[in-house]
N, C-alpha and C. Protein backbone atom coordinates (compact mmCIF):
# COMPACT_ATOMS: atom_id res chain seq x y z
N MET A 1 -20.65 -37.17 -13.40
CA MET A 1 -19.68 -36.03 -13.05
C MET A 1 -20.13 -35.10 -12.45
N ALA A 2 -19.69 -34.59 -11.33
CA ALA A 2 -20.17 -32.99 -10.48
C ALA A 2 -19.56 -31.90 -11.33
N THR A 3 -20.36 -30.65 -11.36
CA THR A 3 -19.53 -29.73 -12.01
C THR A 3 -18.65 -28.95 -10.84
N PRO A 4 -17.64 -28.30 -11.26
CA PRO A 4 -16.89 -27.61 -10.41
C PRO A 4 -17.48 -26.50 -9.73
N ASN A 5 -17.26 -26.19 -8.71
CA ASN A 5 -17.99 -25.03 -7.95
C ASN A 5 -16.92 -23.83 -8.25
N TYR A 6 -16.97 -23.05 -9.02
CA TYR A 6 -15.96 -22.04 -9.24
C TYR A 6 -16.13 -20.86 -8.46
N GLY A 7 -17.31 -20.69 -7.83
CA GLY A 7 -17.62 -19.79 -7.01
C GLY A 7 -16.75 -19.81 -5.81
N TYR A 8 -17.06 -21.02 -5.21
CA TYR A 8 -16.33 -21.62 -3.78
C TYR A 8 -14.81 -21.17 -4.17
N GLU A 9 -14.32 -21.99 -5.03
CA GLU A 9 -12.84 -21.85 -5.41
C GLU A 9 -12.28 -20.31 -5.32
N LYS A 10 -13.15 -19.23 -5.93
CA LYS A 10 -12.82 -17.93 -6.11
C LYS A 10 -12.89 -17.36 -4.74
N ARG A 11 -13.92 -17.90 -4.10
CA ARG A 11 -13.86 -17.37 -2.64
C ARG A 11 -12.63 -17.58 -1.73
N GLN A 12 -12.15 -18.94 -1.93
CA GLN A 12 -11.19 -19.57 -1.25
C GLN A 12 -9.79 -18.67 -1.69
N ARG A 13 -9.71 -18.45 -2.97
CA ARG A 13 -8.48 -17.71 -3.34
C ARG A 13 -8.47 -16.31 -2.70
N GLU A 14 -9.50 -15.58 -2.81
CA GLU A 14 -9.80 -14.10 -2.11
C GLU A 14 -9.38 -14.28 -0.60
N LEU A 15 -9.91 -15.39 0.05
CA LEU A 15 -9.54 -15.55 1.48
C LEU A 15 -8.19 -15.78 1.82
N ALA A 16 -7.37 -16.30 0.68
CA ALA A 16 -5.96 -16.47 0.99
C ALA A 16 -5.17 -15.22 0.50
N LYS A 17 -5.69 -14.61 -0.32
CA LYS A 17 -5.15 -13.35 -0.57
C LYS A 17 -5.24 -12.42 0.62
N LYS A 18 -6.46 -12.35 1.04
CA LYS A 18 -6.38 -11.44 2.21
C LYS A 18 -5.88 -11.84 3.41
N LYS A 19 -5.59 -13.10 3.79
CA LYS A 19 -4.93 -13.61 4.90
C LYS A 19 -3.24 -13.16 4.71
N LYS A 20 -2.81 -13.54 3.51
CA LYS A 20 -1.29 -13.18 3.02
C LYS A 20 -1.23 -11.52 3.39
N LYS A 21 -2.25 -10.92 2.81
CA LYS A 21 -1.93 -9.43 2.90
C LYS A 21 -1.89 -8.98 4.33
N GLU A 22 -2.78 -9.36 5.22
CA GLU A 22 -2.75 -9.18 6.56
C GLU A 22 -1.67 -9.66 7.63
N GLU A 23 -1.23 -10.59 7.08
CA GLU A 23 0.03 -11.02 7.54
C GLU A 23 1.40 -10.36 7.12
N LYS A 24 1.51 -10.01 6.01
CA LYS A 24 2.28 -9.03 5.43
C LYS A 24 2.29 -7.64 6.13
N LEU A 25 1.02 -7.03 6.37
CA LEU A 25 1.20 -5.99 7.02
C LEU A 25 1.44 -5.93 8.52
N ARG A 26 1.01 -7.03 9.04
CA ARG A 26 1.41 -7.48 10.49
C ARG A 26 3.02 -7.57 10.58
N SER A 27 3.62 -8.11 9.62
CA SER A 27 5.03 -8.47 9.78
C SER A 27 5.78 -7.10 9.48
N LYS A 28 5.23 -6.13 8.85
CA LYS A 28 5.95 -4.94 8.44
C LYS A 28 5.77 -4.05 9.77
N THR A 29 4.68 -3.98 10.41
CA THR A 29 4.56 -3.17 11.46
C THR A 29 5.30 -3.89 12.48
N GLN A 30 5.81 -4.96 12.77
CA GLN A 30 6.75 -5.40 13.52
C GLN A 30 8.00 -5.20 13.19
N ARG A 31 8.27 -5.29 12.02
CA ARG A 31 9.67 -4.54 11.87
C ARG A 31 10.21 -3.28 12.08
N ARG A 32 9.25 -2.49 12.07
CA ARG A 32 9.20 -0.90 12.10
C ARG A 32 8.57 -0.70 13.40
N PRO A 33 8.38 -0.69 14.36
CA PRO A 33 7.67 -0.27 15.57
C PRO A 33 8.10 1.26 15.78
N ASP A 34 7.09 1.95 16.25
CA ASP A 34 7.07 3.34 16.78
C ASP A 34 7.95 4.03 15.55
N ASP A 35 7.80 4.25 14.34
CA ASP A 35 8.31 5.22 13.49
C ASP A 35 8.43 6.50 14.03
N PRO A 36 9.58 7.06 14.09
CA PRO A 36 9.68 8.44 14.64
C PRO A 36 9.01 9.47 13.65
N GLN A 37 9.19 9.20 12.45
CA GLN A 37 8.43 10.10 11.41
C GLN A 37 6.85 10.11 11.36
N GLY A 38 6.42 9.18 12.04
CA GLY A 38 4.89 9.06 12.00
C GLY A 38 4.49 8.37 10.77
N ASP A 39 3.06 8.46 10.51
CA ASP A 39 2.63 7.85 9.50
C ASP A 39 2.17 8.55 8.16
N ASP A 40 2.43 10.07 8.71
CA ASP A 40 1.82 10.98 7.36
C ASP A 40 3.30 11.22 6.45
N ARG A 41 4.29 10.38 6.56
CA ARG A 41 5.43 10.62 5.52
C ARG A 41 5.48 9.09 4.99
N PRO A 42 5.61 9.21 3.57
CA PRO A 42 6.16 7.87 2.78
C PRO A 42 7.45 7.31 3.35
N ALA A 43 7.63 6.08 3.07
CA ALA A 43 8.69 5.23 3.63
C ALA A 43 10.10 5.89 3.09
N ASP A 44 9.91 6.45 1.57
CA ASP A 44 11.24 6.86 1.21
C ASP A 44 11.60 8.22 2.21
N GLY A 45 11.21 8.63 2.77
CA GLY A 45 11.59 9.88 3.60
C GLY A 45 11.04 11.28 3.08
N GLN A 46 10.33 11.20 1.99
CA GLN A 46 10.24 12.49 1.56
C GLN A 46 9.05 13.08 2.13
N PRO A 47 8.86 14.25 2.33
CA PRO A 47 7.69 14.96 2.75
C PRO A 47 6.29 14.72 2.03
N SER A 48 5.26 14.48 2.81
CA SER A 48 3.96 14.32 1.89
C SER A 48 3.47 15.73 1.73
N GLY A 49 2.56 15.94 0.62
CA GLY A 49 1.90 17.37 0.80
C GLY A 49 1.90 17.83 -0.74
N ASP A 50 1.47 19.01 -0.96
CA ASP A 50 1.57 19.63 -2.24
C ASP A 50 3.08 20.47 -2.62
N ALA A 51 4.17 19.86 -2.04
CA ALA A 51 5.27 20.46 -2.29
C ALA A 51 5.72 19.97 -3.67
N ALA A 52 6.13 20.73 -4.43
CA ALA A 52 6.67 20.53 -5.74
C ALA A 52 8.14 19.91 -5.80
N ALA A 53 8.20 18.75 -6.62
CA ALA A 53 9.71 18.43 -6.48
C ALA A 53 10.41 19.18 -7.16
N PRO A 54 11.78 18.96 -6.79
CA PRO A 54 12.83 19.91 -7.55
C PRO A 54 12.75 19.97 -9.08
N ASP A 55 12.50 18.73 -9.88
CA ASP A 55 12.46 19.02 -11.17
C ASP A 55 11.28 19.54 -11.90
N GLN A 56 10.16 19.90 -11.03
CA GLN A 56 9.12 20.36 -11.56
C GLN A 56 9.06 21.92 -11.42
N PRO A 57 8.72 22.70 -12.28
CA PRO A 57 8.72 24.13 -12.05
C PRO A 57 7.47 24.44 -11.40
N THR A 58 7.38 25.67 -10.77
CA THR A 58 6.66 26.19 -9.98
C THR A 58 6.10 27.45 -10.50
N GLY A 59 4.82 27.56 -10.61
CA GLY A 59 4.33 28.63 -11.30
C GLY A 59 3.23 28.59 -12.12
N ALA A 60 2.67 29.34 -12.99
CA ALA A 60 1.70 29.33 -13.83
C ALA A 60 1.79 28.40 -14.91
N PRO A 61 1.10 27.48 -15.56
CA PRO A 61 1.29 26.78 -16.43
C PRO A 61 1.32 27.64 -17.84
N GLY A 62 2.48 27.15 -18.93
CA GLY A 62 2.63 27.90 -19.81
C GLY A 62 3.62 29.36 -19.84
N ALA A 63 4.12 29.57 -18.65
CA ALA A 63 4.69 30.92 -18.40
C ALA A 63 6.03 30.56 -18.76
């Protein structure tokens, strides 16, 4: 009896995952064409950057 080729099976799983991920990304871009906010903002609408969240204190630590 021949031994299973685990390397081949793993490669096929990796290719399937990659294909699924690309299809998901493609479908996302088709659903949301030309986002007016641009790519620099997360999907939840919060501005990106170093701005502190309202529940986080700003200032020196331990003050």
